[in-house]
Amino acid sequence: MPLLKAAALAALLLLLPLLSACALILPAVGTMACMGVDYSSKNCPKKTFTCELEGVHEGVLEALDSMSMDVTRDEATKDGRKVKAEAKGVHVTVDIARLTDTTTKVSVDAAKNIILRDGATACEIVAQVERAIVERAIVERAVVERAVVERAVERRGAGALPEVVAGPGTAPGPAGVS
């Protein structure tokens, strides 16, 4: 029996280099790029966003573009969309699945070949998708806030809002107020 355990341990040690590096390193290191990201049974990072499918799809395309990856396929699926891309021998598959009208899950598989996965690239793609979605939300909010201010100015009439001026060494404030 001890011989059988030793053989199993030796086999495990021989197979250890074939395991994805992300699975071995990330739990110990806890890199910021993969914080809050789950992994599938194939060790692919996945993350759920409170965003409609179309917005996440645009974020995926923006992320891949910002990483200079060539999109080779972008197609609709039963559950959402599938985007494939390549860069220097790394083949990327991004599955985008609609969970609800406002919730979308992204799974990223980056592989060098049928056995070796590129966990660092997959994690970075998820991080870049999140960045793109957040930036788009900030811009959309700024547009809405600007429209609200413009409507308020229109309702009050021209010149109703005080002009903001700042002199040397003073904080900005309404004109004529000291």
C-alpha atoms as a PDB file:
ATOM      1  CA  MET A   1       0.000   0.000   0.000  1.00  0.00           C
ATOM      2  CA  PRO A   2       2.750   2.594   0.788  1.00  0.00           C
ATOM      3  CA  LEU A   3       4.279   1.763  -2.619  1.00  0.00           C
ATOM      4  CA  LEU A   4       0.954   2.614  -4.295  1.00  0.00           C
ATOM      5  CA  LYS A   5       0.792   5.986  -2.493  1.00  0.00           C
ATOM      6  CA  ALA A   6       4.380   6.763  -3.504  1.00  0.00           C
ATOM      7  CA  ALA A   7       3.581   5.924  -7.141  1.00  0.00           C
ATOM      8  CA  ALA A   8       0.488   8.157  -7.082  1.00  0.00           C
ATOM      9  CA  LEU A   9       2.525  11.015  -5.590  1.00  0.00           C
ATOM     10  CA  ALA A  10       5.236  10.576  -8.215  1.00  0.00           C
ATOM     11  CA  ALA A  11       2.620  10.631 -11.011  1.00  0.00           C
ATOM     12  CA  LEU A  12       1.094  13.794  -9.555  1.00  0.00           C
ATOM     13  CA  LEU A  13       4.496  15.481  -9.401  1.00  0.00           C
ATOM     14  CA  LEU A  14       5.141  14.552 -13.043  1.00  0.00           C
ATOM     15  CA  LEU A  15       1.789  16.033 -14.108  1.00  0.00           C
ATOM     16  CA  LEU A  16       2.173  19.207 -12.013  1.00  0.00           C
ATOM     17  CA  PRO A  17       3.918  21.225 -14.779  1.00  0.00           C
ATOM     18  CA  LEU A  18       0.962  20.550 -17.095  1.00  0.00           C
ATOM     19  CA  LEU A  19      -1.484  22.282 -14.764  1.00  0.00           C
ATOM     20  CA  SER A  20      -2.373  25.896 -15.507  1.00  0.00           C
ATOM     21  CA  ALA A  21      -0.126  28.385 -13.754  1.00  0.00           C
ATOM     22  CA  CYS A  22      -3.098  30.595 -12.862  1.00  0.00           C
ATOM     23  CA  ALA A  23      -4.590  27.832 -10.702  1.00  0.00           C
ATOM     24  CA  LEU A  24      -1.349  27.326  -8.792  1.00  0.00           C
ATOM     25  CA  ILE A  25      -0.140  30.889  -8.402  1.00  0.00           C
ATOM     26  CA  LEU A  26      -3.244  33.088  -8.129  1.00  0.00           C
ATOM     27  CA  PRO A  27      -4.672  31.682  -4.910  1.00  0.00           C
ATOM     28  CA  ALA A  28      -1.324  32.228  -3.215  1.00  0.00           C
ATOM     29  CA  VAL A  29      -0.466  35.599  -4.745  1.00  0.00           C
ATOM     30  CA  GLY A  30      -3.967  37.085  -5.158  1.00  0.00           C
ATOM     31  CA  THR A  31      -3.148  39.383  -8.063  1.00  0.00           C
ATOM     32  CA  MET A  32      -5.349  42.459  -8.401  1.00  0.00           C
ATOM     33  CA  ALA A  33      -6.253  41.709 -12.027  1.00  0.00           C
ATOM     34  CA  CYS A  34      -7.998  38.482 -11.068  1.00  0.00           C
ATOM     35  CA  MET A  35      -9.567  39.552  -7.784  1.00  0.00           C
ATOM     36  CA  GLY A  36     -13.293  38.780  -7.857  1.00  0.00           C
ATOM     37  CA  VAL A  37     -12.956  36.430 -10.811  1.00  0.00           C
ATOM     38  CA  ASP A  38     -14.191  32.829 -10.692  1.00  0.00           C
ATOM     39  CA  TYR A  39     -12.789  29.931 -12.688  1.00  0.00           C
ATOM     40  CA  SER A  40     -14.493  27.189 -14.682  1.00  0.00           C
ATOM     41  CA  SER A  41     -13.549  23.527 -14.577  1.00  0.00           C
ATOM     42  CA  LYS A  42     -11.185  24.234 -17.518  1.00  0.00           C
ATOM     43  CA  ASN A  43      -9.571  26.928 -15.338  1.00  0.00           C
ATOM     44  CA  CYS A  44     -10.899  29.766 -17.492  1.00  0.00           C
ATOM     45  CA  PRO A  45     -11.619  33.048 -15.723  1.00  0.00           C
ATOM     46  CA  LYS A  46     -15.241  34.148 -15.713  1.00  0.00           C
ATOM     47  CA  LYS A  47     -16.993  37.194 -14.325  1.00  0.00           C
ATOM     48  CA  THR A  48     -20.589  38.398 -14.192  1.00  0.00           C
ATOM     49  CA  PHE A  49     -21.338  42.036 -14.999  1.00  0.00           C
ATOM     50  CA  THR A  50     -24.444  44.070 -14.225  1.00  0.00           C
ATOM     51  CA  CYS A  51     -24.661  45.224 -17.820  1.00  0.00           C
ATOM     52  CA  GLU A  52     -26.749  44.252 -20.830  1.00  0.00           C
ATOM     53  CA  LEU A  53     -25.304  41.775 -23.335  1.00  0.00           C
ATOM     54  CA  GLU A  54     -24.678  44.423 -26.004  1.00  0.00           C
ATOM     55  CA  GLY A  55     -22.662  46.605 -23.622  1.00  0.00           C
ATOM     56  CA  VAL A  56     -20.517  43.660 -22.510  1.00  0.00           C
ATOM     57  CA  HIS A  57     -20.019  42.591 -26.144  1.00  0.00           C
ATOM     58  CA  GLU A  58     -18.775  46.105 -26.982  1.00  0.00           C
ATOM     59  CA  GLY A  59     -16.491  45.944 -23.925  1.00  0.00           C
ATOM     60  CA  VAL A  60     -15.039  42.611 -25.093  1.00  0.00           C
ATOM     61  CA  LEU A  61     -14.313  43.981 -28.571  1.00  0.00           C
ATOM     62  CA  GLU A  62     -12.762  47.126 -27.077  1.00  0.00           C
ATOM     63  CA  ALA A  63     -10.621  45.046 -24.693  1.00  0.00           C
ATOM     64  CA  LEU A  64      -9.329  42.793 -27.462  1.00  0.00           C
ATOM     65  CA  ASP A  65      -8.610  45.827 -29.640  1.00  0.00           C
ATOM     66  CA  SER A  66      -6.745  47.601 -26.826  1.00  0.00           C
ATOM     67  CA  MET A  67      -4.615  44.460 -26.428  1.00  0.00           C
ATOM     68  CA  SER A  68      -3.922  44.391 -30.221  1.00  0.00           C
ATOM     69  CA  MET A  69      -5.585  41.002 -30.640  1.00  0.00           C
ATOM     70  CA  ASP A  70      -7.023  40.088 -34.028  1.00  0.00           C
ATOM     71  CA  VAL A  71     -10.689  39.097 -33.825  1.00  0.00           C
ATOM     72  CA  THR A  72     -11.138  36.054 -36.074  1.00  0.00           C
ATOM     73  CA  ARG A  73     -14.784  35.280 -35.323  1.00  0.00           C
ATOM     74  CA  ASP A  74     -17.685  37.134 -33.724  1.00  0.00           C
ATOM     75  CA  GLU A  75     -20.969  35.267 -33.786  1.00  0.00           C
ATOM     76  CA  ALA A  76     -24.324  35.057 -32.046  1.00  0.00           C
ATOM     77  CA  THR A  77     -24.996  31.945 -29.974  1.00  0.00           C
ATOM     78  CA  LYS A  78     -28.074  30.506 -28.289  1.00  0.00           C
ATOM     79  CA  ASP A  79     -27.132  32.179 -24.986  1.00  0.00           C
ATOM     80  CA  GLY A  80     -25.408  35.344 -26.247  1.00  0.00           C
ATOM     81  CA  ARG A  81     -22.213  35.725 -28.283  1.00  0.00           C
ATOM     82  CA  LYS A  82     -18.877  34.010 -28.893  1.00  0.00           C
ATOM     83  CA  VAL A  83     -15.804  36.002 -29.891  1.00  0.00           C
ATOM     84  CA  LYS A  84     -12.538  34.377 -30.998  1.00  0.00           C
ATOM     85  CA  ALA A  85      -9.218  36.177 -31.317  1.00  0.00           C
ATOM     86  CA  GLU A  86      -5.516  35.441 -31.756  1.00  0.00           C
ATOM     87  CA  ALA A  87      -2.190  37.017 -30.859  1.00  0.00           C
ATOM     88  CA  LYS A  88       1.261  35.435 -31.278  1.00  0.00           C
ATOM     89  CA  GLY A  89       0.106  31.832 -31.025  1.00  0.00           C
ATOM     90  CA  VAL A  90      -2.392  32.407 -28.222  1.00  0.00           C
ATOM     91  CA  HIS A  91      -5.956  31.476 -29.224  1.00  0.00           C
ATOM     92  CA  VAL A  92      -8.636  33.282 -27.240  1.00  0.00           C
ATOM     93  CA  THR A  93     -12.305  32.346 -26.941  1.00  0.00           C
ATOM     94  CA  VAL A  94     -14.652  34.705 -25.107  1.00  0.00           C
ATOM     95  CA  ASP A  95     -18.135  33.401 -24.308  1.00  0.00           C
ATOM     96  CA  ILE A  96     -20.668  36.109 -23.463  1.00  0.00           C
ATOM     97  CA  ALA A  97     -23.883  34.739 -21.944  1.00  0.00           C
ATOM     98  CA  ARG A  98     -27.024  36.724 -21.099  1.00  0.00           C
ATOM     99  CA  LEU A  99     -28.236  35.736 -17.636  1.00  0.00           C
ATOM    100  CA  THR A 100     -30.974  38.391 -17.460  1.00  0.00           C
ATOM    101  CA  ASP A 101     -31.744  41.568 -19.415  1.00  0.00           C
ATOM    102  CA  THR A 102     -29.241  43.457 -17.237  1.00  0.00           C
ATOM    103  CA  THR A 103     -26.789  40.728 -16.198  1.00  0.00           C
ATOM    104  CA  THR A 104     -24.164  39.115 -18.433  1.00  0.00           C
ATOM    105  CA  LYS A 105     -21.478  36.509 -17.744  1.00  0.00           C
ATOM    106  CA  VAL A 106     -18.112  36.489 -19.534  1.00  0.00           C
ATOM    107  CA  SER A 107     -15.842  33.419 -19.715  1.00  0.00           C
ATOM    108  CA  VAL A 108     -12.384  33.679 -21.273  1.00  0.00           C
ATOM    109  CA  ASP A 109     -10.240  30.782 -22.471  1.00  0.00           C
ATOM    110  CA  ALA A 110      -6.738  31.669 -23.680  1.00  0.00           C
ATOM    111  CA  ALA A 111      -4.750  28.666 -24.869  1.00  0.00           C
ATOM    112  CA  LYS A 112      -1.357  28.154 -26.455  1.00  0.00           C
ATOM    113  CA  ASN A 113      -2.292  24.639 -27.488  1.00  0.00           C
ATOM    114  CA  ILE A 114      -4.717  21.896 -26.499  1.00  0.00           C
ATOM    115  CA  ILE A 115      -2.982  21.382 -23.132  1.00  0.00           C
ATOM    116  CA  LEU A 116      -1.363  24.672 -22.085  1.00  0.00           C
ATOM    117  CA  ARG A 117      -3.601  27.547 -20.975  1.00  0.00           C
ATOM    118  CA  ASP A 118      -2.460  31.168 -20.746  1.00  0.00           C
ATOM    119  CA  GLY A 119      -4.116  32.197 -17.495  1.00  0.00           C
ATOM    120  CA  ALA A 120      -2.366  35.570 -17.289  1.00  0.00           C
ATOM    121  CA  THR A 121      -3.694  36.655 -20.681  1.00  0.00           C
ATOM    122  CA  ALA A 122      -7.195  35.405 -19.867  1.00  0.00           C
ATOM    123  CA  CYS A 123      -7.181  37.311 -16.549  1.00  0.00           C
ATOM    124  CA  GLU A 124      -5.999  40.475 -18.294  1.00  0.00           C
ATOM    125  CA  ILE A 125      -8.774  40.206 -20.886  1.00  0.00           C
ATOM    126  CA  VAL A 126     -11.370  40.033 -18.086  1.00  0.00           C
ATOM    127  CA  ALA A 127      -9.742  43.059 -16.407  1.00  0.00           C
ATOM    128  CA  GLN A 128      -9.759  45.025 -19.682  1.00  0.00           C
ATOM    129  CA  VAL A 129     -13.414  44.132 -20.337  1.00  0.00           C
ATOM    130  CA  GLU A 130     -14.281  45.459 -16.884  1.00  0.00           C
ATOM    131  CA  ARG A 131     -12.276  48.644 -17.529  1.00  0.00           C
ATOM    132  CA  ALA A 132     -14.066  49.217 -20.849  1.00  0.00           C
ATOM    133  CA  ILE A 133     -17.498  48.711 -19.262  1.00  0.00           C
ATOM    134  CA  VAL A 134     -16.703  51.061 -16.364  1.00  0.00           C
ATOM    135  CA  GLU A 135     -15.316  53.761 -18.682  1.00  0.00           C
ATOM    136  CA  ARG A 136     -18.408  53.544 -20.899  1.00  0.00           C
ATOM    137  CA  ALA A 137     -20.667  53.860 -17.834  1.00  0.00           C
ATOM    138  CA  ILE A 138     -18.750  56.957 -16.660  1.00  0.00           C
ATOM    139  CA  VAL A 139     -19.108  58.599 -20.071  1.00  0.00           C
ATOM    140  CA  GLU A 140     -22.815  57.735 -20.262  1.00  0.00           C
ATOM    141  CA  ARG A 141     -23.398  59.174 -16.786  1.00  0.00           C
ATOM    142  CA  ALA A 142     -21.544  62.377 -17.693  1.00  0.00           C
ATOM    143  CA  VAL A 143     -23.705  62.761 -20.812  1.00  0.00           C
ATOM    144  CA  VAL A 144     -26.884  62.326 -18.760  1.00  0.00           C
ATOM    145  CA  GLU A 145     -25.695  64.786 -16.084  1.00  0.00           C
ATOM    146  CA  ARG A 146     -24.798  67.348 -18.752  1.00  0.00           C
ATOM    147  CA  ALA A 147     -28.262  67.011 -20.279  1.00  0.00           C
ATOM    148  CA  VAL A 148     -29.871  67.565 -16.849  1.00  0.00           C
ATOM    149  CA  VAL A 149     -27.808  70.714 -16.274  1.00  0.00           C
ATOM    150  CA  GLU A 150     -28.603  72.023 -19.763  1.00  0.00           C
ATOM    151  CA  ARG A 151     -32.353  71.508 -19.169  1.00  0.00           C
ATOM    152  CA  ALA A 152     -32.117  73.323 -15.834  1.00  0.00           C
ATOM    153  CA  VAL A 153     -30.341  76.255 -17.501  1.00  0.00           C
ATOM    154  CA  GLU A 154     -32.973  76.369 -20.257  1.00  0.00           C
ATOM    155  CA  ARG A 155     -35.787  76.422 -17.683  1.00  0.00           C
ATOM    156  CA  ARG A 156     -34.205  79.250 -15.680  1.00  0.00           C
ATOM    157  CA  GLY A 157     -33.404  81.281 -18.770  1.00  0.00           C
ATOM    158  CA  ALA A 158     -30.129  82.686 -20.025  1.00  0.00           C
ATOM    159  CA  GLY A 159     -27.970  84.355 -17.402  1.00  0.00           C
ATOM    160  CA  ALA A 160     -29.895  82.887 -14.470  1.00  0.00           C
ATOM    161  CA  LEU A 161     -26.941  80.862 -13.239  1.00  0.00           C
ATOM    162  CA  PRO A 162     -24.079  82.901 -11.725  1.00  0.00           C
ATOM    163  CA  GLU A 163     -20.828  83.103 -13.657  1.00  0.00           C
ATOM    164  CA  VAL A 164     -17.993  81.307 -11.907  1.00  0.00           C
ATOM    165  CA  VAL A 165     -14.730  83.263 -11.720  1.00  0.00           C
ATOM    166  CA  ALA A 166     -11.450  82.715  -9.958  1.00  0.00           C
ATOM    167  CA  GLY A 167      -8.762  85.269  -9.273  1.00  0.00           C
ATOM    168  CA  PRO A 168      -5.134  84.642  -8.339  1.00  0.00           C
ATOM    169  CA  GLY A 169      -4.973  82.824  -4.999  1.00  0.00           C
ATOM    170  CA  THR A 170      -8.764  82.557  -4.618  1.00  0.00           C
ATOM    171  CA  ALA A 171     -11.166  79.693  -4.873  1.00  0.00           C
ATOM    172  CA  PRO A 172     -13.736  79.840  -7.664  1.00  0.00           C
ATOM    173  CA  GLY A 173     -17.063  81.274  -6.617  1.00  0.00           C
ATOM    174  CA  PRO A 174     -19.963  83.352  -7.919  1.00  0.00           C
ATOM    175  CA  ALA A 175     -18.919  86.674  -9.459  1.00  0.00           C
ATOM    176  CA  GLY A 176     -19.013  89.605  -7.068  1.00  0.00           C
ATOM    177  CA  VAL A 177     -18.892  87.441  -3.908  1.00  0.00           C
ATOM    178  CA  SER A 178     -15.841  87.844  -1.677  1.00  0.00           C
END
